[in-house]
Amino acid sequence: VKADPQKNGTFGSKSHYTTCKVRISFNEDSTQTILGFKPRGDSSSHYIPGPIGCDPETIRNALIQLIISAELPFKFVSRPEFVHFMSIVCPKFTVPTRWTVQRDVYDIFLLEKSEIEGVFSANIPTSKFNHRYLDFLSEI
């Protein structure tokens, strides 16, 4: 049976797929989950299919923690290798610039600093821990 591939083949579905407005709007939604594989239970060798979310805030926080804990330079995020890695891991995630990473690290620094100041600004006579800490400092 002969058929015209332009009319009866997959060409029509290919052209529809590339121009469909509904598909394009789904790709713009960064919170939409994609199908992937998750580890099943405690064993990391067995995987089951399931939705995998691409939450930009979670990824960005994890990236900042990586840069802080590994003491990486801020320009690490602009390296082509890292950009390629992130495009494979989560294609919907836009890698922040090194200036954005610098701002995020500074924000975490200010947050940690305020938490530490809160610990040391406690009422000294009522806090046994602070009293012991001040005794320790006086011995040094």
N, C-alpha and C. Protein backbone atom coordinates (compact mmCIF):
# COMPACT_ATOMS: atom_id res chain seq x y z
N VAL A 1 0.86 -1.16 0.00
CA VAL A 1 0.00 0.00 0.00
C VAL A 1 0.91 1.23 0.00
N LYS A 2 0.72 2.07 -0.98
CA LYS A 2 1.52 3.28 -1.08
C LYS A 2 0.78 4.43 -0.40
N ALA A 3 1.52 5.24 0.32
CA ALA A 3 0.92 6.39 0.99
C ALA A 3 1.88 7.57 0.88
N ASP A 4 1.33 8.75 0.84
CA ASP A 4 2.14 9.96 0.78
C ASP A 4 2.67 10.25 2.19
N PRO A 5 3.99 10.27 2.40
CA PRO A 5 4.52 10.50 3.75
C PRO A 5 4.21 11.90 4.27
N GLN A 6 3.98 12.86 3.38
CA GLN A 6 3.64 14.21 3.84
C GLN A 6 2.24 14.27 4.43
N LYS A 7 1.32 13.47 3.90
CA LYS A 7 -0.07 13.51 4.37
C LYS A 7 -0.39 12.41 5.36
N ASN A 8 0.19 11.23 5.17
CA ASN A 8 -0.21 10.06 5.95
C ASN A 8 0.86 9.59 6.93
N GLY A 9 2.00 10.19 6.95
CA GLY A 9 3.08 9.74 7.82
C GLY A 9 3.13 10.52 9.12
N THR A 10 4.33 10.63 9.67
CA THR A 10 4.51 11.32 10.94
C THR A 10 4.90 12.78 10.76
N PHE A 11 4.98 13.24 9.52
CA PHE A 11 5.36 14.63 9.28
C PHE A 11 4.35 15.59 9.90
N GLY A 12 3.07 15.25 9.78
CA GLY A 12 2.03 16.12 10.33
C GLY A 12 2.14 16.25 11.84
N SER A 13 2.40 15.13 12.51
CA SER A 13 2.52 15.20 13.97
C SER A 13 3.81 15.91 14.38
N LYS A 14 4.87 15.78 13.57
CA LYS A 14 6.11 16.49 13.89
C LYS A 14 5.91 18.00 13.76
N SER A 15 5.25 18.43 12.70
CA SER A 15 5.04 19.87 12.53
C SER A 15 4.07 20.40 13.59
N HIS A 16 3.09 19.58 13.98
CA HIS A 16 2.17 20.01 15.04
C HIS A 16 2.92 20.12 16.38
N TYR A 17 3.81 19.18 16.64
CA TYR A 17 4.54 19.17 17.90
C TYR A 17 5.42 20.40 18.05
N THR A 18 6.04 20.84 16.98
CA THR A 18 6.94 21.99 17.07
C THR A 18 6.20 23.32 17.12
N THR A 19 4.95 23.37 16.66
CA THR A 19 4.22 24.64 16.62
C THR A 19 3.05 24.70 17.60
N CYS A 20 2.78 23.64 18.32
CA CYS A 20 1.62 23.59 19.21
C CYS A 20 1.77 24.59 20.36
N LYS A 21 0.79 25.44 20.54
CA LYS A 21 0.83 26.47 21.58
C LYS A 21 0.73 25.85 22.98
N VAL A 22 -0.01 24.76 23.11
CA VAL A 22 -0.17 24.12 24.42
C VAL A 22 1.16 23.55 24.89
N ARG A 23 1.90 22.89 24.00
CA ARG A 23 3.19 22.31 24.38
C ARG A 23 4.17 23.40 24.77
N ILE A 24 4.16 24.51 24.05
CA ILE A 24 5.08 25.60 24.36
C ILE A 24 4.78 26.19 25.73
N SER A 25 3.49 26.31 26.08
CA SER A 25 3.15 26.87 27.39
C SER A 25 3.54 25.91 28.51
N PHE A 26 3.49 24.60 28.27
CA PHE A 26 3.92 23.65 29.29
C PHE A 26 5.42 23.76 29.52
N ASN A 27 6.18 24.00 28.47
CA ASN A 27 7.63 24.10 28.63
C ASN A 27 8.04 25.36 29.39
N GLU A 28 7.21 26.39 29.36
CA GLU A 28 7.54 27.62 30.07
C GLU A 28 7.27 27.52 31.56
N ASP A 29 6.45 26.56 31.98
CA ASP A 29 6.10 26.42 33.38
C ASP A 29 7.25 25.71 34.10
N SER A 30 7.97 26.44 34.94
CA SER A 30 9.14 25.85 35.60
C SER A 30 8.76 24.94 36.76
N THR A 31 7.50 24.98 37.20
CA THR A 31 7.10 24.13 38.32
C THR A 31 6.52 22.80 37.87
N GLN A 32 6.31 22.62 36.58
CA GLN A 32 5.74 21.37 36.09
C GLN A 32 6.75 20.25 36.24
N THR A 33 6.28 19.12 36.72
CA THR A 33 7.17 17.98 36.90
C THR A 33 7.38 17.26 35.58
N ILE A 34 8.50 16.56 35.48
CA ILE A 34 8.78 15.74 34.32
C ILE A 34 8.90 14.30 34.78
N LEU A 35 8.73 13.38 33.86
CA LEU A 35 8.82 11.96 34.21
C LEU A 35 10.28 11.56 34.31
N GLY A 36 10.61 10.89 35.38
CA GLY A 36 11.98 10.44 35.59
C GLY A 36 11.98 9.20 36.45
N PHE A 37 13.11 8.84 36.98
CA PHE A 37 13.25 7.66 37.81
C PHE A 37 13.74 8.05 39.19
N LYS A 38 13.08 7.50 40.21
CA LYS A 38 13.47 7.75 41.60
C LYS A 38 13.95 6.44 42.21
N PRO A 39 14.89 6.51 43.16
CA PRO A 39 15.31 5.28 43.84
C PRO A 39 14.16 4.71 44.66
N ARG A 40 14.03 3.38 44.63
CA ARG A 40 12.97 2.73 45.39
C ARG A 40 13.51 2.31 46.74
N GLY A 41 12.95 2.86 47.80
CA GLY A 41 13.31 2.48 49.16
C GLY A 41 14.75 2.80 49.50
N ASP A 42 15.36 1.90 50.28
CA ASP A 42 16.74 2.10 50.73
C ASP A 42 17.76 1.72 49.67
N SER A 43 17.36 0.86 48.74
CA SER A 43 18.30 0.39 47.74
C SER A 43 18.44 1.41 46.62
N SER A 44 19.66 1.77 46.31
CA SER A 44 19.88 2.74 45.24
C SER A 44 20.02 2.06 43.88
N SER A 45 19.96 0.71 43.84
CA SER A 45 20.10 0.01 42.57
C SER A 45 18.76 -0.24 41.88
N HIS A 46 17.64 -0.02 42.57
CA HIS A 46 16.32 -0.21 41.97
C HIS A 46 15.63 1.14 41.85
N TYR A 47 15.12 1.40 40.66
CA TYR A 47 14.47 2.68 40.40
C TYR A 47 13.06 2.45 39.90
N ILE A 48 12.18 3.36 40.24
CA ILE A 48 10.80 3.31 39.76
C ILE A 48 10.49 4.63 39.06
N PRO A 49 9.64 4.58 38.02
CA PRO A 49 9.30 5.83 37.35
C PRO A 49 8.39 6.69 38.22
N GLY A 50 8.56 7.98 38.12
CA GLY A 50 7.73 8.90 38.89
C GLY A 50 8.02 10.33 38.50
N PRO A 51 7.17 11.25 38.97
CA PRO A 51 7.39 12.65 38.61
C PRO A 51 8.59 13.24 39.37
N ILE A 52 9.37 13.99 38.66
CA ILE A 52 10.52 14.66 39.25
C ILE A 52 10.32 16.15 39.07
N GLY A 53 10.29 16.86 40.18
CA GLY A 53 10.09 18.30 40.13
C GLY A 53 11.40 19.03 39.91
N CYS A 54 11.29 20.20 39.37
CA CYS A 54 12.46 21.04 39.14
C CYS A 54 12.19 22.36 39.83
N ASP A 55 12.33 22.37 41.15
CA ASP A 55 12.04 23.57 41.92
C ASP A 55 13.27 24.48 41.89
N PRO A 56 13.17 25.64 41.24
CA PRO A 56 14.35 26.50 41.10
C PRO A 56 14.92 26.98 42.43
N GLU A 57 14.09 27.26 43.42
CA GLU A 57 14.60 27.74 44.71
C GLU A 57 15.40 26.66 45.43
N THR A 58 14.91 25.42 45.40
CA THR A 58 15.63 24.32 46.04
C THR A 58 16.98 24.09 45.37
N ILE A 59 16.98 24.12 44.05
CA ILE A 59 18.23 23.92 43.31
C ILE A 59 19.20 25.06 43.59
N ARG A 60 18.69 26.27 43.64
CA ARG A 60 19.55 27.43 43.88
C ARG A 60 20.16 27.38 45.29
N ASN A 61 19.35 26.99 46.28
CA ASN A 61 19.87 26.87 47.65
C ASN A 61 20.93 25.78 47.73
N ALA A 62 20.68 24.66 47.04
CA ALA A 62 21.67 23.57 47.05
C ALA A 62 22.96 24.01 46.36
N LEU A 63 22.83 24.80 45.30
CA LEU A 63 24.01 25.32 44.61
C LEU A 63 24.82 26.24 45.52
N ILE A 64 24.14 27.09 46.26
CA ILE A 64 24.83 27.99 47.18
C ILE A 64 25.53 27.19 48.28
N GLN A 65 24.86 26.17 48.81
CA GLN A 65 25.49 25.33 49.84
C GLN A 65 26.71 24.61 49.27
N LEU A 66 26.64 24.17 48.01
CA LEU A 66 27.78 23.52 47.37
C LEU A 66 28.96 24.49 47.25
N ILE A 67 28.69 25.70 46.82
CA ILE A 67 29.76 26.68 46.65
C ILE A 67 30.39 27.04 47.99
N ILE A 68 29.57 27.15 49.03
CA ILE A 68 30.11 27.49 50.35
C ILE A 68 30.92 26.33 50.92
N SER A 69 30.34 25.13 50.91
CA SER A 69 31.01 24.00 51.57
C SER A 69 32.25 23.53 50.82
N ALA A 70 32.25 23.61 49.48
CA ALA A 70 33.41 23.19 48.71
C ALA A 70 34.39 24.33 48.46
N GLU A 71 34.05 25.52 48.95
CA GLU A 71 34.88 26.71 48.78
C GLU A 71 35.23 26.95 47.32
N LEU A 72 34.20 26.86 46.47
CA LEU A 72 34.38 27.08 45.04
C LEU A 72 34.33 28.58 44.73
N PRO A 73 34.99 29.01 43.68
CA PRO A 73 34.89 30.42 43.29
C PRO A 73 33.51 30.70 42.70
N PHE A 74 33.08 31.95 42.77
CA PHE A 74 31.76 32.31 42.26
C PHE A 74 31.66 32.10 40.76
N LYS A 75 32.76 32.23 40.05
CA LYS A 75 32.73 32.08 38.60
C LYS A 75 32.55 30.61 38.17
N PHE A 76 32.50 29.71 39.13
CA PHE A 76 32.27 28.29 38.84
C PHE A 76 30.96 28.10 38.09
N VAL A 77 29.94 28.91 38.42
CA VAL A 77 28.63 28.74 37.78
C VAL A 77 28.63 29.19 36.32
N SER A 78 29.61 29.96 35.90
CA SER A 78 29.65 30.42 34.51
C SER A 78 30.53 29.53 33.63
N ARG A 79 31.12 28.51 34.21
CA ARG A 79 31.95 27.60 33.42
C ARG A 79 31.06 26.79 32.47
N PRO A 80 31.49 26.56 31.25
CA PRO A 80 30.67 25.82 30.29
C PRO A 80 30.36 24.39 30.75
N GLU A 81 31.28 23.78 31.47
CA GLU A 81 31.05 22.42 31.95
C GLU A 81 29.89 22.37 32.94
N PHE A 82 29.85 23.35 33.84
CA PHE A 82 28.77 23.38 34.83
C PHE A 82 27.44 23.71 34.17
N VAL A 83 27.44 24.64 33.24
CA VAL A 83 26.21 25.00 32.53
C VAL A 83 25.68 23.79 31.77
N HIS A 84 26.57 23.05 31.13
CA HIS A 84 26.17 21.83 30.41
C HIS A 84 25.61 20.79 31.38
N PHE A 85 26.28 20.62 32.51
CA PHE A 85 25.81 19.66 33.52
C PHE A 85 24.40 20.01 33.99
N MET A 86 24.17 21.30 34.28
CA MET A 86 22.85 21.71 34.76
C MET A 86 21.79 21.59 33.68
N SER A 87 22.16 21.77 32.41
CA SER A 87 21.18 21.61 31.34
C SER A 87 20.74 20.16 31.20
N ILE A 88 21.59 19.24 31.62
CA ILE A 88 21.21 17.82 31.58
C ILE A 88 20.44 17.45 32.84
N VAL A 89 20.88 17.92 33.98
CA VAL A 89 20.23 17.59 35.25
C VAL A 89 18.82 18.15 35.31
N CYS A 90 18.68 19.42 35.02
CA CYS A 90 17.36 20.07 35.06
C CYS A 90 17.31 21.11 33.94
N PRO A 91 16.78 20.72 32.79
CA PRO A 91 16.80 21.64 31.64
C PRO A 91 16.02 22.93 31.87
N LYS A 92 15.05 22.92 32.77
CA LYS A 92 14.23 24.11 33.00
C LYS A 92 14.90 25.12 33.92
N PHE A 93 15.97 24.73 34.58
CA PHE A 93 16.63 25.60 35.55
C PHE A 93 17.57 26.56 34.83
N THR A 94 17.42 27.84 35.12
CA THR A 94 18.32 28.85 34.59
C THR A 94 19.45 29.05 35.59
N VAL A 95 20.66 28.78 35.17
CA VAL A 95 21.81 28.89 36.07
C VAL A 95 22.02 30.36 36.42
N PRO A 96 22.11 30.67 37.73
CA PRO A 96 22.31 32.07 38.12
C PRO A 96 23.71 32.55 37.74
N THR A 97 23.84 33.85 37.61
CA THR A 97 25.15 34.43 37.30
C THR A 97 26.02 34.43 38.56
N ARG A 98 27.29 34.69 38.37
CA ARG A 98 28.19 34.69 39.54
C ARG A 98 27.86 35.84 40.47
N TRP A 99 27.29 36.92 39.94
CA TRP A 99 26.92 38.05 40.79
C TRP A 99 25.72 37.68 41.66
N THR A 100 24.79 36.92 41.10
CA THR A 100 23.64 36.46 41.88
C THR A 100 24.09 35.49 42.96
N VAL A 101 25.01 34.60 42.62
CA VAL A 101 25.55 33.66 43.60
C VAL A 101 26.26 34.42 44.72
N GLN A 102 27.01 35.45 44.36
CA GLN A 102 27.71 36.25 45.37
C GLN A 102 26.72 36.91 46.31
N ARG A 103 25.62 37.44 45.76
CA ARG A 103 24.60 38.06 46.60
C ARG A 103 23.94 37.04 47.53
N ASP A 104 23.67 35.85 47.00
CA ASP A 104 23.04 34.81 47.82
C ASP A 104 23.96 34.37 48.95
N VAL A 105 25.25 34.22 48.67
CA VAL A 105 26.21 33.83 49.71
C VAL A 105 26.29 34.92 50.77
N TYR A 106 26.29 36.16 50.36
CA TYR A 106 26.33 37.27 51.32
C TYR A 106 25.05 37.30 52.17
N ASP A 107 23.90 37.01 51.56
CA ASP A 107 22.65 36.95 52.33
C ASP A 107 22.70 35.85 53.38
N ILE A 108 23.27 34.70 53.02
CA ILE A 108 23.40 33.61 53.99
C ILE A 108 24.37 34.02 55.09
N PHE A 109 25.44 34.72 54.75
CA PHE A 109 26.38 35.21 55.75
C PHE A 109 25.68 36.12 56.75
N LEU A 110 24.88 37.06 56.24
CA LEU A 110 24.16 37.98 57.13
C LEU A 110 23.17 37.23 58.02
N LEU A 111 22.51 36.22 57.46
CA LEU A 111 21.57 35.43 58.25
C LEU A 111 22.29 34.67 59.36
N GLU A 112 23.38 34.02 59.02
CA GLU A 112 24.15 33.28 60.03
C GLU A 112 24.73 34.23 61.08
N LYS A 113 25.18 35.39 60.65
CA LYS A 113 25.74 36.36 61.58
C LYS A 113 24.69 36.83 62.58
N SER A 114 23.48 37.08 62.11
CA SER A 114 22.42 37.52 63.02
C SER A 114 22.03 36.41 63.99
N GLU A 115 22.06 35.15 63.53
CA GLU A 115 21.76 34.04 64.43
C GLU A 115 22.84 33.91 65.51
N ILE A 116 24.09 34.08 65.13
CA ILE A 116 25.18 33.99 66.11
C ILE A 116 25.11 35.14 67.09
N GLU A 117 24.81 36.34 66.61
CA GLU A 117 24.67 37.49 67.51
C GLU A 117 23.52 37.27 68.48
N GLY A 118 22.47 36.59 68.03
CA GLY A 118 21.35 36.28 68.91
C GLY A 118 21.74 35.34 70.03
N VAL A 119 22.66 34.43 69.76
CA VAL A 119 23.12 33.50 70.79
C VAL A 119 23.92 34.24 71.86
N PHE A 120 24.78 35.15 71.44
CA PHE A 120 25.64 35.84 72.39
C PHE A 120 24.98 37.05 73.05
N SER A 121 23.82 37.45 72.57
CA SER A 121 23.16 38.59 73.19
C SER A 121 22.15 38.15 74.25
N ALA A 122 22.17 36.87 74.62
CA ALA A 122 21.27 36.38 75.66
C ALA A 122 21.67 36.98 77.01
N ASN A 123 20.75 36.95 77.93
CA ASN A 123 21.00 37.48 79.26
C ASN A 123 22.02 36.58 79.96
N ILE A 124 23.20 37.11 80.25
CA ILE A 124 24.30 36.32 80.78
C ILE A 124 24.00 35.71 82.15
N PRO A 125 23.44 36.44 83.11
CA PRO A 125 23.22 35.82 84.42
C PRO A 125 22.22 34.66 84.40
N THR A 126 21.30 34.65 83.46
CA THR A 126 20.31 33.58 83.45
C THR A 126 20.73 32.40 82.58
N SER A 127 21.73 32.56 81.77
CA SER A 127 22.11 31.49 80.87
C SER A 127 23.38 30.81 81.38
N LYS A 128 23.26 29.54 81.75
CA LYS A 128 24.42 28.80 82.25
C LYS A 128 25.44 28.57 81.13
N PHE A 129 24.94 28.34 79.92
CA PHE A 129 25.86 28.10 78.81
C PHE A 129 26.72 29.32 78.54
N ASN A 130 26.11 30.48 78.47
CA ASN A 130 26.88 31.70 78.20
C ASN A 130 27.85 31.99 79.34
N HIS A 131 27.45 31.70 80.58
CA HIS A 131 28.34 31.92 81.71
C HIS A 131 29.56 31.02 81.61
N ARG A 132 29.32 29.74 81.26
CA ARG A 132 30.44 28.82 81.09
C ARG A 132 31.32 29.24 79.92
N TYR A 133 30.70 29.73 78.88
CA TYR A 133 31.47 30.17 77.71
C TYR A 133 32.35 31.37 78.06
N LEU A 134 31.81 32.30 78.82
CA LEU A 134 32.61 33.46 79.22
C LEU A 134 33.74 33.05 80.16
N ASP A 135 33.49 32.05 81.04
CA ASP A 135 34.57 31.53 81.88
C ASP A 135 35.67 30.91 81.03
N PHE A 136 35.24 30.18 80.01
CA PHE A 136 36.20 29.56 79.10
C PHE A 136 37.04 30.62 78.40
N LEU A 137 36.41 31.69 77.95
CA LEU A 137 37.14 32.76 77.28
C LEU A 137 38.11 33.46 78.23
N SER A 138 37.74 33.60 79.50
CA SER A 138 38.63 34.28 80.44
C SER A 138 39.86 33.42 80.75
N GLU A 139 39.74 32.09 80.63
CA GLU A 139 40.89 31.21 80.87
C GLU A 139 41.89 31.27 79.72
N ILE A 140 41.44 31.63 78.56
CA ILE A 140 42.32 31.64 77.38
C ILE A 140 43.20 32.81 77.39
